[in-house]
């Protein structure tokens, strides 16, 4: 049971890290699109 708990905590940490990375990538993509739009005008 202890091992399950440890794995569960690791899994939650990994999910949190991935969600943060996804958010950072989405922000970077939005900034990239904004930059490209400025060059189109």
C-alpha atoms as a PDB file:
ATOM      1  CA  UNK A   1       0.000   0.000   0.000  1.00  0.00           C
ATOM      2  CA  UNK A   2       2.849   2.389   0.777  1.00  0.00           C
ATOM      3  CA  UNK A   3       4.331   1.905  -2.687  1.00  0.00           C
ATOM      4  CA  UNK A   4       0.959   2.718  -4.244  1.00  0.00           C
ATOM      5  CA  UNK A   5       0.818   5.947  -2.267  1.00  0.00           C
ATOM      6  CA  UNK A   6       4.326   6.920  -3.360  1.00  0.00           C
ATOM      7  CA  UNK A   7       3.516   6.181  -6.993  1.00  0.00           C
ATOM      8  CA  UNK A   8       0.291   8.158  -6.706  1.00  0.00           C
ATOM      9  CA  UNK A   9       2.180  11.187  -5.394  1.00  0.00           C
ATOM     10  CA  UNK A  10       4.745  10.888  -8.199  1.00  0.00           C
ATOM     11  CA  UNK A  11       1.964  10.613 -10.759  1.00  0.00           C
ATOM     12  CA  UNK A  12       0.243  13.719  -9.420  1.00  0.00           C
ATOM     13  CA  UNK A  13       3.546  15.610  -9.498  1.00  0.00           C
ATOM     14  CA  UNK A  14       4.171  14.518 -13.081  1.00  0.00           C
ATOM     15  CA  UNK A  15       0.684  15.589 -14.141  1.00  0.00           C
ATOM     16  CA  UNK A  16       1.133  18.980 -12.482  1.00  0.00           C
ATOM     17  CA  UNK A  17       4.468  19.444 -14.258  1.00  0.00           C
ATOM     18  CA  UNK A  18       2.999  18.466 -17.618  1.00  0.00           C
ATOM     19  CA  UNK A  19       0.064  20.824 -17.138  1.00  0.00           C
ATOM     20  CA  UNK A  20       2.493  23.643 -16.374  1.00  0.00           C
ATOM     21  CA  UNK A  21       4.527  22.843 -19.498  1.00  0.00           C
ATOM     22  CA  UNK A  22       1.359  22.786 -21.600  1.00  0.00           C
ATOM     23  CA  UNK A  23       0.405  26.204 -20.240  1.00  0.00           C
ATOM     24  CA  UNK A  24       3.844  27.582 -21.058  1.00  0.00           C
ATOM     25  CA  UNK A  25       3.686  26.195 -24.593  1.00  0.00           C
ATOM     26  CA  UNK A  26       0.214  27.646 -25.132  1.00  0.00           C
ATOM     27  CA  UNK A  27       1.443  31.050 -23.946  1.00  0.00           C
ATOM     28  CA  UNK A  28       4.500  30.866 -26.205  1.00  0.00           C
ATOM     29  CA  UNK A  29       2.321  29.893 -29.178  1.00  0.00           C
ATOM     30  CA  UNK A  30      -0.045  32.801 -28.514  1.00  0.00           C
ATOM     31  CA  UNK A  31       2.908  35.194 -28.347  1.00  0.00           C
ATOM     32  CA  UNK A  32       4.298  33.752 -31.580  1.00  0.00           C
ATOM     33  CA  UNK A  33       0.968  34.260 -33.332  1.00  0.00           C
ATOM     34  CA  UNK A  34       0.789  37.847 -32.077  1.00  0.00           C
ATOM     35  CA  UNK A  35       4.282  38.508 -33.400  1.00  0.00           C
ATOM     36  CA  UNK A  36       3.453  37.016 -36.795  1.00  0.00           C
ATOM     37  CA  UNK A  37       0.263  39.094 -37.008  1.00  0.00           C
ATOM     38  CA  UNK A  38       2.303  42.252 -36.443  1.00  0.00           C
ATOM     39  CA  UNK A  39       4.432  41.430 -39.480  1.00  0.00           C
ATOM     40  CA  UNK A  40       1.377  40.771 -41.642  1.00  0.00           C
ATOM     41  CA  UNK A  41       0.053  44.320 -41.242  1.00  0.00           C
END
